[in-house]
ModelCIF file with pLDDT and N, C-alpha, C, O atoms, coordinates in Angstrom:
data_MODEL
#
_entry.id   MODEL 
#
_entity.id                         1 
_entity.type                       polymer 
_entity.pdbx_number_of_molecules   1 
#
_entity_poly.entity_id                      1 
_entity_poly.type                           'polypeptide(L)' 
_entity_poly.nstd_linkage                   no 
_entity_poly.nstd_monomer                   no 
_entity_poly.pdbx_seq_one_letter_code       IEFIDKNTLSATVYEKSVAGCLEYMDSYVYFDRDGIVLESTEDRKE 
_entity_poly.pdbx_seq_one_letter_code_can   IEFIDKNTLSATVYEKSVAGCLEYMDSYVYFDRDGIVLESTEDRKE 
_entity_poly.pdbx_strand_id                 A 
#
loop_
_entity_poly_seq.entity_id 
_entity_poly_seq.num 
_entity_poly_seq.mon_id 
_entity_poly_seq.hetero 
1 1  ILE n 
1 2  GLU n 
1 3  PHE n 
1 4  ILE n 
1 5  ASP n 
1 6  LYS n 
1 7  ASN n 
1 8  THR n 
1 9  LEU n 
1 10 SER n 
1 11 ALA n 
1 12 THR n 
1 13 VAL n 
1 14 TYR n 
1 15 GLU n 
1 16 LYS n 
1 17 SER n 
1 18 VAL n 
1 19 ALA n 
1 20 GLY n 
1 21 CYS n 
1 22 LEU n 
1 23 GLU n 
1 24 TYR n 
1 25 MET n 
1 26 ASP n 
1 27 SER n 
1 28 TYR n 
1 29 VAL n 
1 30 TYR n 
1 31 PHE n 
1 32 ASP n 
1 33 ARG n 
1 34 ASP n 
1 35 GLY n 
1 36 ILE n 
1 37 VAL n 
1 38 LEU n 
1 39 GLU n 
1 40 SER n 
1 41 THR n 
1 42 GLU n 
1 43 ASP n 
1 44 ARG n 
1 45 LYS n 
1 46 GLU n 
#
_struct_asym.id          A 
_struct_asym.entity_id   1 
#
loop_
_ma_qa_metric.id 
_ma_qa_metric.mode 
_ma_qa_metric.name 
_ma_qa_metric.software_group_id 
_ma_qa_metric.type 
1 global pLDDT . pLDDT 
2 local  pLDDT . pLDDT 
#
_ma_qa_metric_global.metric_id      1 
_ma_qa_metric_global.metric_value   88.00 
_ma_qa_metric_global.model_id       1 
_ma_qa_metric_global.ordinal_id     1 
#
loop_
_ma_qa_metric_local.label_asym_id 
_ma_qa_metric_local.label_comp_id 
_ma_qa_metric_local.label_seq_id 
_ma_qa_metric_local.metric_id 
_ma_qa_metric_local.metric_value 
_ma_qa_metric_local.model_id 
_ma_qa_metric_local.ordinal_id 
A ILE 1  2 87.00 1 1  
A GLU 2  2 88.00 1 2  
A PHE 3  2 82.00 1 3  
A ILE 4  2 86.00 1 4  
A ASP 5  2 85.00 1 5  
A LYS 6  2 82.00 1 6  
A ASN 7  2 87.00 1 7  
A THR 8  2 87.00 1 8  
A LEU 9  2 88.00 1 9  
A SER 10 2 90.00 1 10 
A ALA 11 2 91.00 1 11 
A THR 12 2 93.00 1 12 
A VAL 13 2 93.00 1 13 
A TYR 14 2 93.00 1 14 
A GLU 15 2 90.00 1 15 
A LYS 16 2 88.00 1 16 
A SER 17 2 86.00 1 17 
A VAL 18 2 88.00 1 18 
A ALA 19 2 86.00 1 19 
A GLY 20 2 90.00 1 20 
A CYS 21 2 90.00 1 21 
A LEU 22 2 90.00 1 22 
A GLU 23 2 89.00 1 23 
A TYR 24 2 86.00 1 24 
A MET 25 2 86.00 1 25 
A ASP 26 2 86.00 1 26 
A SER 27 2 90.00 1 27 
A TYR 28 2 92.00 1 28 
A VAL 29 2 91.00 1 29 
A TYR 30 2 92.00 1 30 
A PHE 31 2 89.00 1 31 
A ASP 32 2 87.00 1 32 
A ARG 33 2 82.00 1 33 
A ASP 34 2 84.00 1 34 
A GLY 35 2 86.00 1 35 
A ILE 36 2 89.00 1 36 
A VAL 37 2 90.00 1 37 
A LEU 38 2 89.00 1 38 
A GLU 39 2 89.00 1 39 
A SER 40 2 89.00 1 40 
A THR 41 2 88.00 1 41 
A GLU 42 2 88.00 1 42 
A ASP 43 2 86.00 1 43 
A ARG 44 2 88.00 1 44 
A LYS 45 2 87.00 1 45 
A GLU 46 2 85.00 1 46 
#
loop_
_atom_site.group_PDB 
_atom_site.id 
_atom_site.type_symbol 
_atom_site.label_atom_id 
_atom_site.label_alt_id 
_atom_site.label_comp_id 
_atom_site.label_asym_id 
_atom_site.label_entity_id 
_atom_site.label_seq_id 
_atom_site.pdbx_PDB_ins_code 
_atom_site.Cartn_x 
_atom_site.Cartn_y 
_atom_site.Cartn_z 
_atom_site.occupancy 
_atom_site.B_iso_or_equiv 
_atom_site.pdbx_formal_charge 
_atom_site.auth_seq_id 
_atom_site.auth_comp_id 
_atom_site.auth_asym_id 
_atom_site.auth_atom_id 
_atom_site.pdbx_PDB_model_num 
ATOM 1   N N  . ILE A 1 1  ? 88.851  101.390 111.801 1.00 87.00 ? 1  ILE A N  1 
ATOM 2   C CA . ILE A 1 1  ? 87.773  101.283 112.854 1.00 87.00 ? 1  ILE A CA 1 
ATOM 3   C C  . ILE A 1 1  ? 87.972  99.885  113.559 1.00 87.00 ? 1  ILE A C  1 
ATOM 4   O O  . ILE A 1 1  ? 88.127  98.840  112.928 1.00 87.00 ? 1  ILE A O  1 
ATOM 5   N N  . GLU A 1 2  ? 87.951  99.977  114.912 1.00 88.00 ? 2  GLU A N  1 
ATOM 6   C CA . GLU A 1 2  ? 88.042  98.743  115.686 1.00 88.00 ? 2  GLU A CA 1 
ATOM 7   C C  . GLU A 1 2  ? 87.011  98.817  116.878 1.00 88.00 ? 2  GLU A C  1 
ATOM 8   O O  . GLU A 1 2  ? 86.678  99.890  117.381 1.00 88.00 ? 2  GLU A O  1 
ATOM 9   N N  . PHE A 1 3  ? 86.573  97.698  117.254 1.00 82.00 ? 3  PHE A N  1 
ATOM 10  C CA . PHE A 1 3  ? 85.700  97.533  118.437 1.00 82.00 ? 3  PHE A CA 1 
ATOM 11  C C  . PHE A 1 3  ? 86.523  97.745  119.703 1.00 82.00 ? 3  PHE A C  1 
ATOM 12  O O  . PHE A 1 3  ? 87.654  97.275  119.833 1.00 82.00 ? 3  PHE A O  1 
ATOM 13  N N  . ILE A 1 4  ? 85.889  98.491  120.649 1.00 86.00 ? 4  ILE A N  1 
ATOM 14  C CA . ILE A 1 4  ? 86.365  98.583  121.973 1.00 86.00 ? 4  ILE A CA 1 
ATOM 15  C C  . ILE A 1 4  ? 85.480  97.680  122.903 1.00 86.00 ? 4  ILE A C  1 
ATOM 16  O O  . ILE A 1 4  ? 85.970  96.869  123.689 1.00 86.00 ? 4  ILE A O  1 
ATOM 17  N N  . ASP A 1 5  ? 84.126  97.891  122.746 1.00 85.00 ? 5  ASP A N  1 
ATOM 18  C CA . ASP A 1 5  ? 83.103  97.043  123.352 1.00 85.00 ? 5  ASP A CA 1 
ATOM 19  C C  . ASP A 1 5  ? 81.862  97.204  122.487 1.00 85.00 ? 5  ASP A C  1 
ATOM 20  O O  . ASP A 1 5  ? 81.950  97.779  121.402 1.00 85.00 ? 5  ASP A O  1 
ATOM 21  N N  . LYS A 1 6  ? 80.678  96.702  122.946 1.00 82.00 ? 6  LYS A N  1 
ATOM 22  C CA . LYS A 1 6  ? 79.454  96.684  122.129 1.00 82.00 ? 6  LYS A CA 1 
ATOM 23  C C  . LYS A 1 6  ? 78.935  98.113  121.765 1.00 82.00 ? 6  LYS A C  1 
ATOM 24  O O  . LYS A 1 6  ? 78.154  98.347  120.843 1.00 82.00 ? 6  LYS A O  1 
ATOM 25  N N  . ASN A 1 7  ? 79.451  98.997  122.580 1.00 87.00 ? 7  ASN A N  1 
ATOM 26  C CA . ASN A 1 7  ? 78.932  100.396 122.343 1.00 87.00 ? 7  ASN A CA 1 
ATOM 27  C C  . ASN A 1 7  ? 79.974  101.451 122.103 1.00 87.00 ? 7  ASN A C  1 
ATOM 28  O O  . ASN A 1 7  ? 79.714  102.653 122.050 1.00 87.00 ? 7  ASN A O  1 
ATOM 29  N N  . THR A 1 8  ? 81.194  100.918 121.958 1.00 87.00 ? 8  THR A N  1 
ATOM 30  C CA . THR A 1 8  ? 82.321  101.973 121.794 1.00 87.00 ? 8  THR A CA 1 
ATOM 31  C C  . THR A 1 8  ? 83.221  101.466 120.655 1.00 87.00 ? 8  THR A C  1 
ATOM 32  O O  . THR A 1 8  ? 83.475  100.263 120.595 1.00 87.00 ? 8  THR A O  1 
ATOM 33  N N  . LEU A 1 9  ? 83.694  102.287 119.789 1.00 88.00 ? 9  LEU A N  1 
ATOM 34  C CA . LEU A 1 9  ? 84.687  101.950 118.773 1.00 88.00 ? 9  LEU A CA 1 
ATOM 35  C C  . LEU A 1 9  ? 85.800  102.958 118.853 1.00 88.00 ? 9  LEU A C  1 
ATOM 36  O O  . LEU A 1 9  ? 85.644  104.059 119.383 1.00 88.00 ? 9  LEU A O  1 
ATOM 37  N N  . SER A 1 10 ? 86.972  102.537 118.292 1.00 90.00 ? 10 SER A N  1 
ATOM 38  C CA . SER A 1 10 ? 88.056  103.471 118.172 1.00 90.00 ? 10 SER A CA 1 
ATOM 39  C C  . SER A 1 10 ? 88.300  103.655 116.693 1.00 90.00 ? 10 SER A C  1 
ATOM 40  O O  . SER A 1 10 ? 88.141  102.743 115.882 1.00 90.00 ? 10 SER A O  1 
ATOM 41  N N  . ALA A 1 11 ? 88.717  104.952 116.359 1.00 91.00 ? 11 ALA A N  1 
ATOM 42  C CA . ALA A 1 11 ? 88.919  105.238 114.939 1.00 91.00 ? 11 ALA A CA 1 
ATOM 43  C C  . ALA A 1 11 ? 90.333  105.923 114.874 1.00 91.00 ? 11 ALA A C  1 
ATOM 44  O O  . ALA A 1 11 ? 90.583  106.959 115.491 1.00 91.00 ? 11 ALA A O  1 
ATOM 45  N N  . THR A 1 12 ? 91.186  105.300 114.125 1.00 93.00 ? 12 THR A N  1 
ATOM 46  C CA . THR A 1 12 ? 92.570  105.738 113.978 1.00 93.00 ? 12 THR A CA 1 
ATOM 47  C C  . THR A 1 12 ? 92.675  106.420 112.633 1.00 93.00 ? 12 THR A C  1 
ATOM 48  O O  . THR A 1 12 ? 92.466  105.810 111.585 1.00 93.00 ? 12 THR A O  1 
ATOM 49  N N  . VAL A 1 13 ? 93.004  107.708 112.687 1.00 93.00 ? 13 VAL A N  1 
ATOM 50  C CA . VAL A 1 13 ? 93.116  108.505 111.491 1.00 93.00 ? 13 VAL A CA 1 
ATOM 51  C C  . VAL A 1 13 ? 94.430  108.520 110.844 1.00 93.00 ? 13 VAL A C  1 
ATOM 52  O O  . VAL A 1 13 ? 95.402  108.754 111.562 1.00 93.00 ? 13 VAL A O  1 
ATOM 53  N N  . TYR A 1 14 ? 94.613  108.291 109.517 1.00 93.00 ? 14 TYR A N  1 
ATOM 54  C CA . TYR A 1 14 ? 95.864  108.434 108.850 1.00 93.00 ? 14 TYR A CA 1 
ATOM 55  C C  . TYR A 1 14 ? 95.655  109.548 107.907 1.00 93.00 ? 14 TYR A C  1 
ATOM 56  O O  . TYR A 1 14 ? 94.866  109.429 106.969 1.00 93.00 ? 14 TYR A O  1 
ATOM 57  N N  . GLU A 1 15 ? 96.331  110.628 108.118 1.00 90.00 ? 15 GLU A N  1 
ATOM 58  C CA . GLU A 1 15 ? 96.147  111.906 107.365 1.00 90.00 ? 15 GLU A CA 1 
ATOM 59  C C  . GLU A 1 15 ? 96.956  111.930 106.109 1.00 90.00 ? 15 GLU A C  1 
ATOM 60  O O  . GLU A 1 15 ? 98.001  111.292 105.984 1.00 90.00 ? 15 GLU A O  1 
ATOM 61  N N  . LYS A 1 16 ? 96.415  112.718 105.146 1.00 88.00 ? 16 LYS A N  1 
ATOM 62  C CA . LYS A 1 16 ? 97.150  113.002 103.854 1.00 88.00 ? 16 LYS A CA 1 
ATOM 63  C C  . LYS A 1 16 ? 98.380  113.796 104.101 1.00 88.00 ? 16 LYS A C  1 
ATOM 64  O O  . LYS A 1 16 ? 98.388  114.591 105.040 1.00 88.00 ? 16 LYS A O  1 
ATOM 65  N N  . SER A 1 17 ? 99.361  113.656 103.381 1.00 86.00 ? 17 SER A N  1 
ATOM 66  C CA . SER A 1 17 ? 100.623 114.411 103.525 1.00 86.00 ? 17 SER A CA 1 
ATOM 67  C C  . SER A 1 17 ? 100.469 115.678 102.795 1.00 86.00 ? 17 SER A C  1 
ATOM 68  O O  . SER A 1 17 ? 100.480 115.695 101.564 1.00 86.00 ? 17 SER A O  1 
ATOM 69  N N  . VAL A 1 18 ? 100.317 116.809 103.554 1.00 88.00 ? 18 VAL A N  1 
ATOM 70  C CA . VAL A 1 18 ? 100.151 118.154 103.016 1.00 88.00 ? 18 VAL A CA 1 
ATOM 71  C C  . VAL A 1 18 ? 101.453 118.911 102.903 1.00 88.00 ? 18 VAL A C  1 
ATOM 72  O O  . VAL A 1 18 ? 102.201 119.006 103.876 1.00 88.00 ? 18 VAL A O  1 
ATOM 73  N N  . ALA A 1 19 ? 101.748 119.474 101.685 1.00 86.00 ? 19 ALA A N  1 
ATOM 74  C CA . ALA A 1 19 ? 103.060 120.087 101.542 1.00 86.00 ? 19 ALA A CA 1 
ATOM 75  C C  . ALA A 1 19 ? 102.934 121.617 101.746 1.00 86.00 ? 19 ALA A C  1 
ATOM 76  O O  . ALA A 1 19 ? 103.840 122.238 102.301 1.00 86.00 ? 19 ALA A O  1 
ATOM 77  N N  . GLY A 1 20 ? 101.810 122.228 101.297 1.00 90.00 ? 20 GLY A N  1 
ATOM 78  C CA . GLY A 1 20 ? 101.670 123.637 101.380 1.00 90.00 ? 20 GLY A CA 1 
ATOM 79  C C  . GLY A 1 20 ? 100.259 124.060 101.009 1.00 90.00 ? 20 GLY A C  1 
ATOM 80  O O  . GLY A 1 20 ? 99.406  123.206 100.769 1.00 90.00 ? 20 GLY A O  1 
ATOM 81  N N  . CYS A 1 21 ? 99.986  125.404 100.955 1.00 90.00 ? 21 CYS A N  1 
ATOM 82  C CA . CYS A 1 21 ? 98.660  125.849 100.608 1.00 90.00 ? 21 CYS A CA 1 
ATOM 83  C C  . CYS A 1 21 ? 98.794  127.177 99.909  1.00 90.00 ? 21 CYS A C  1 
ATOM 84  O O  . CYS A 1 21 ? 99.762  127.914 100.093 1.00 90.00 ? 21 CYS A O  1 
ATOM 85  N N  . LEU A 1 22 ? 97.802  127.456 99.109  1.00 90.00 ? 22 LEU A N  1 
ATOM 86  C CA . LEU A 1 22 ? 97.697  128.826 98.373  1.00 90.00 ? 22 LEU A CA 1 
ATOM 87  C C  . LEU A 1 22 ? 96.379  129.472 98.722  1.00 90.00 ? 22 LEU A C  1 
ATOM 88  O O  . LEU A 1 22 ? 95.342  128.822 98.857  1.00 90.00 ? 22 LEU A O  1 
ATOM 89  N N  . GLU A 1 23 ? 96.461  130.735 98.857  1.00 89.00 ? 23 GLU A N  1 
ATOM 90  C CA . GLU A 1 23 ? 95.246  131.501 99.055  1.00 89.00 ? 23 GLU A CA 1 
ATOM 91  C C  . GLU A 1 23 ? 94.509  131.675 97.816  1.00 89.00 ? 23 GLU A C  1 
ATOM 92  O O  . GLU A 1 23 ? 95.044  132.201 96.839  1.00 89.00 ? 23 GLU A O  1 
ATOM 93  N N  . TYR A 1 24 ? 93.230  131.235 97.805  1.00 86.00 ? 24 TYR A N  1 
ATOM 94  C CA . TYR A 1 24 ? 92.431  131.362 96.578  1.00 86.00 ? 24 TYR A CA 1 
ATOM 95  C C  . TYR A 1 24 ? 91.043  131.969 97.069  1.00 86.00 ? 24 TYR A C  1 
ATOM 96  O O  . TYR A 1 24 ? 90.286  131.357 97.821  1.00 86.00 ? 24 TYR A O  1 
ATOM 97  N N  . MET A 1 25 ? 90.806  133.176 96.586  1.00 86.00 ? 25 MET A N  1 
ATOM 98  C CA . MET A 1 25 ? 89.494  133.786 97.039  1.00 86.00 ? 25 MET A CA 1 
ATOM 99  C C  . MET A 1 25 ? 89.477  133.885 98.541  1.00 86.00 ? 25 MET A C  1 
ATOM 100 O O  . MET A 1 25 ? 90.364  134.499 99.135  1.00 86.00 ? 25 MET A O  1 
ATOM 101 N N  . ASP A 1 26 ? 88.487  133.293 99.163  1.00 86.00 ? 26 ASP A N  1 
ATOM 102 C CA . ASP A 1 26 ? 88.414  133.364 100.594 1.00 86.00 ? 26 ASP A CA 1 
ATOM 103 C C  . ASP A 1 26 ? 88.793  132.088 101.358 1.00 86.00 ? 26 ASP A C  1 
ATOM 104 O O  . ASP A 1 26 ? 88.498  131.877 102.535 1.00 86.00 ? 26 ASP A O  1 
ATOM 105 N N  . SER A 1 27 ? 89.491  131.248 100.544 1.00 90.00 ? 27 SER A N  1 
ATOM 106 C CA . SER A 1 27 ? 89.830  129.933 101.004 1.00 90.00 ? 27 SER A CA 1 
ATOM 107 C C  . SER A 1 27 ? 91.369  129.659 100.887 1.00 90.00 ? 27 SER A C  1 
ATOM 108 O O  . SER A 1 27 ? 92.138  130.435 100.319 1.00 90.00 ? 27 SER A O  1 
ATOM 109 N N  . TYR A 1 28 ? 91.752  128.461 101.489 1.00 92.00 ? 28 TYR A N  1 
ATOM 110 C CA . TYR A 1 28 ? 93.125  128.005 101.326 1.00 92.00 ? 28 TYR A CA 1 
ATOM 111 C C  . TYR A 1 28 ? 92.955  126.725 100.588 1.00 92.00 ? 28 TYR A C  1 
ATOM 112 O O  . TYR A 1 28 ? 92.141  125.890 100.982 1.00 92.00 ? 28 TYR A O  1 
ATOM 113 N N  . VAL A 1 29 ? 93.731  126.527 99.474  1.00 91.00 ? 29 VAL A N  1 
ATOM 114 C CA . VAL A 1 29 ? 93.793  125.314 98.665  1.00 91.00 ? 29 VAL A CA 1 
ATOM 115 C C  . VAL A 1 29 ? 95.111  124.595 99.087  1.00 91.00 ? 29 VAL A C  1 
ATOM 116 O O  . VAL A 1 29 ? 96.223  125.099 98.929  1.00 91.00 ? 29 VAL A O  1 
ATOM 117 N N  . TYR A 1 30 ? 94.884  123.373 99.638  1.00 92.00 ? 30 TYR A N  1 
ATOM 118 C CA . TYR A 1 30 ? 95.966  122.586 100.110 1.00 92.00 ? 30 TYR A CA 1 
ATOM 119 C C  . TYR A 1 30 ? 96.457  121.576 99.124  1.00 92.00 ? 30 TYR A C  1 
ATOM 120 O O  . TYR A 1 30 ? 95.640  121.018 98.391  1.00 92.00 ? 30 TYR A O  1 
ATOM 121 N N  . PHE A 1 31 ? 97.776  121.291 99.050  1.00 89.00 ? 31 PHE A N  1 
ATOM 122 C CA . PHE A 1 31 ? 98.240  120.361 98.006  1.00 89.00 ? 31 PHE A CA 1 
ATOM 123 C C  . PHE A 1 31 ? 99.391  119.491 98.642  1.00 89.00 ? 31 PHE A C  1 
ATOM 124 O O  . PHE A 1 31 ? 100.019 119.831 99.645  1.00 89.00 ? 31 PHE A O  1 
ATOM 125 N N  . ASP A 1 32 ? 99.570  118.427 97.995  1.00 87.00 ? 32 ASP A N  1 
ATOM 126 C CA . ASP A 1 32 ? 100.634 117.442 98.485  1.00 87.00 ? 32 ASP A CA 1 
ATOM 127 C C  . ASP A 1 32 ? 101.939 117.693 97.864  1.00 87.00 ? 32 ASP A C  1 
ATOM 128 O O  . ASP A 1 32 ? 102.070 118.650 97.101  1.00 87.00 ? 32 ASP A O  1 
ATOM 129 N N  . ARG A 1 33 ? 102.996 116.837 98.155  1.00 82.00 ? 33 ARG A N  1 
ATOM 130 C CA . ARG A 1 33 ? 104.328 117.089 97.678  1.00 82.00 ? 33 ARG A CA 1 
ATOM 131 C C  . ARG A 1 33 ? 104.500 116.899 96.134  1.00 82.00 ? 33 ARG A C  1 
ATOM 132 O O  . ARG A 1 33 ? 105.520 117.256 95.544  1.00 82.00 ? 33 ARG A O  1 
ATOM 133 N N  . ASP A 1 34 ? 103.456 116.328 95.540  1.00 84.00 ? 34 ASP A N  1 
ATOM 134 C CA . ASP A 1 34 ? 103.462 116.250 94.015  1.00 84.00 ? 34 ASP A CA 1 
ATOM 135 C C  . ASP A 1 34 ? 102.609 117.310 93.412  1.00 84.00 ? 34 ASP A C  1 
ATOM 136 O O  . ASP A 1 34 ? 102.364 117.278 92.206  1.00 84.00 ? 34 ASP A O  1 
ATOM 137 N N  . GLY A 1 35 ? 102.134 118.266 94.200  1.00 86.00 ? 35 GLY A N  1 
ATOM 138 C CA . GLY A 1 35 ? 101.348 119.339 93.644  1.00 86.00 ? 35 GLY A CA 1 
ATOM 139 C C  . GLY A 1 35 ? 99.841  118.922 93.368  1.00 86.00 ? 35 GLY A C  1 
ATOM 140 O O  . GLY A 1 35 ? 99.142  119.617 92.631  1.00 86.00 ? 35 GLY A O  1 
ATOM 141 N N  . ILE A 1 36 ? 99.386  117.846 93.936  1.00 89.00 ? 36 ILE A N  1 
ATOM 142 C CA . ILE A 1 36 ? 97.977  117.466 93.746  1.00 89.00 ? 36 ILE A CA 1 
ATOM 143 C C  . ILE A 1 36 ? 97.082  118.148 94.777  1.00 89.00 ? 36 ILE A C  1 
ATOM 144 O O  . ILE A 1 36 ? 97.454  118.212 95.949  1.00 89.00 ? 36 ILE A O  1 
ATOM 145 N N  . VAL A 1 37 ? 95.910  118.662 94.381  1.00 90.00 ? 37 VAL A N  1 
ATOM 146 C CA . VAL A 1 37 ? 95.104  119.345 95.275  1.00 90.00 ? 37 VAL A CA 1 
ATOM 147 C C  . VAL A 1 37 ? 94.417  118.338 96.211  1.00 90.00 ? 37 VAL A C  1 
ATOM 148 O O  . VAL A 1 37 ? 93.879  117.334 95.747  1.00 90.00 ? 37 VAL A O  1 
ATOM 149 N N  . LEU A 1 38 ? 94.434  118.598 97.504  1.00 89.00 ? 38 LEU A N  1 
ATOM 150 C CA . LEU A 1 38 ? 93.931  117.708 98.540  1.00 89.00 ? 38 LEU A CA 1 
ATOM 151 C C  . LEU A 1 38 ? 92.573  118.196 99.034  1.00 89.00 ? 38 LEU A C  1 
ATOM 152 O O  . LEU A 1 38 ? 91.570  117.483 99.032  1.00 89.00 ? 38 LEU A O  1 
ATOM 153 N N  . GLU A 1 39 ? 92.605  119.404 99.440  1.00 89.00 ? 39 GLU A N  1 
ATOM 154 C CA . GLU A 1 39 ? 91.394  119.983 100.046 1.00 89.00 ? 39 GLU A CA 1 
ATOM 155 C C  . GLU A 1 39 ? 91.345  121.489 99.828  1.00 89.00 ? 39 GLU A C  1 
ATOM 156 O O  . GLU A 1 39 ? 92.337  122.115 99.454  1.00 89.00 ? 39 GLU A O  1 
ATOM 157 N N  . SER A 1 40 ? 90.155  122.059 100.072 1.00 89.00 ? 40 SER A N  1 
ATOM 158 C CA . SER A 1 40 ? 89.988  123.539 100.141 1.00 89.00 ? 40 SER A CA 1 
ATOM 159 C C  . SER A 1 40 ? 89.137  123.853 101.302 1.00 89.00 ? 40 SER A C  1 
ATOM 160 O O  . SER A 1 40 ? 88.048  123.299 101.449 1.00 89.00 ? 40 SER A O  1 
ATOM 161 N N  . THR A 1 41 ? 89.602  124.734 102.141 1.00 88.00 ? 41 THR A N  1 
ATOM 162 C CA . THR A 1 41 ? 88.871  125.073 103.308 1.00 88.00 ? 41 THR A CA 1 
ATOM 163 C C  . THR A 1 41 ? 89.165  126.575 103.672 1.00 88.00 ? 41 THR A C  1 
ATOM 164 O O  . THR A 1 41 ? 90.193  127.137 103.296 1.00 88.00 ? 41 THR A O  1 
ATOM 165 N N  . GLU A 1 42 ? 88.231  127.164 104.399 1.00 88.00 ? 42 GLU A N  1 
ATOM 166 C CA . GLU A 1 42 ? 88.451  128.487 104.911 1.00 88.00 ? 42 GLU A CA 1 
ATOM 167 C C  . GLU A 1 42 ? 89.485  128.541 106.148 1.00 88.00 ? 42 GLU A C  1 
ATOM 168 O O  . GLU A 1 42 ? 89.983  129.587 106.566 1.00 88.00 ? 42 GLU A O  1 
ATOM 169 N N  . ASP A 1 43 ? 89.719  127.323 106.643 1.00 86.00 ? 43 ASP A N  1 
ATOM 170 C CA . ASP A 1 43 ? 90.624  127.304 107.858 1.00 86.00 ? 43 ASP A CA 1 
ATOM 171 C C  . ASP A 1 43 ? 92.124  127.255 107.392 1.00 86.00 ? 43 ASP A C  1 
ATOM 172 O O  . ASP A 1 43 ? 92.516  126.553 106.461 1.00 86.00 ? 43 ASP A O  1 
ATOM 173 N N  . ARG A 1 44 ? 92.929  128.096 108.160 1.00 88.00 ? 44 ARG A N  1 
ATOM 174 C CA . ARG A 1 44 ? 94.328  128.052 107.814 1.00 88.00 ? 44 ARG A CA 1 
ATOM 175 C C  . ARG A 1 44 ? 95.017  127.074 108.870 1.00 88.00 ? 44 ARG A C  1 
ATOM 176 O O  . ARG A 1 44 ? 95.018  127.333 110.074 1.00 88.00 ? 44 ARG A O  1 
ATOM 177 N N  . LYS A 1 45 ? 95.537  126.056 108.388 1.00 87.00 ? 45 LYS A N  1 
ATOM 178 C CA . LYS A 1 45 ? 96.009  124.926 109.166 1.00 87.00 ? 45 LYS A CA 1 
ATOM 179 C C  . LYS A 1 45 ? 97.454  125.229 109.644 1.00 87.00 ? 45 LYS A C  1 
ATOM 180 O O  . LYS A 1 45 ? 98.345  125.506 108.842 1.00 87.00 ? 45 LYS A O  1 
ATOM 181 N N  . GLU A 1 46 ? 97.643  125.166 110.966 1.00 85.00 ? 46 GLU A N  1 
ATOM 182 C CA . GLU A 1 46 ? 98.956  125.451 111.572 1.00 85.00 ? 46 GLU A CA 1 
ATOM 183 C C  . GLU A 1 46 ? 99.984  124.305 111.100 1.00 85.00 ? 46 GLU A C  1 
ATOM 184 O O  . GLU A 1 46 ? 101.154 124.330 111.482 1.00 85.00 ? 46 GLU A O  1 
#
């Protein structure tokens, strides 16, 4: 997070490295290149 001015800030996002996902019930379970679970969401990420 950085200041732009007194009322504006910029947020630079650094995302997790996602390797793949599995369908689990009505969600997708996303994991990294080491097989660690990162997130679970109903959204299928392109």
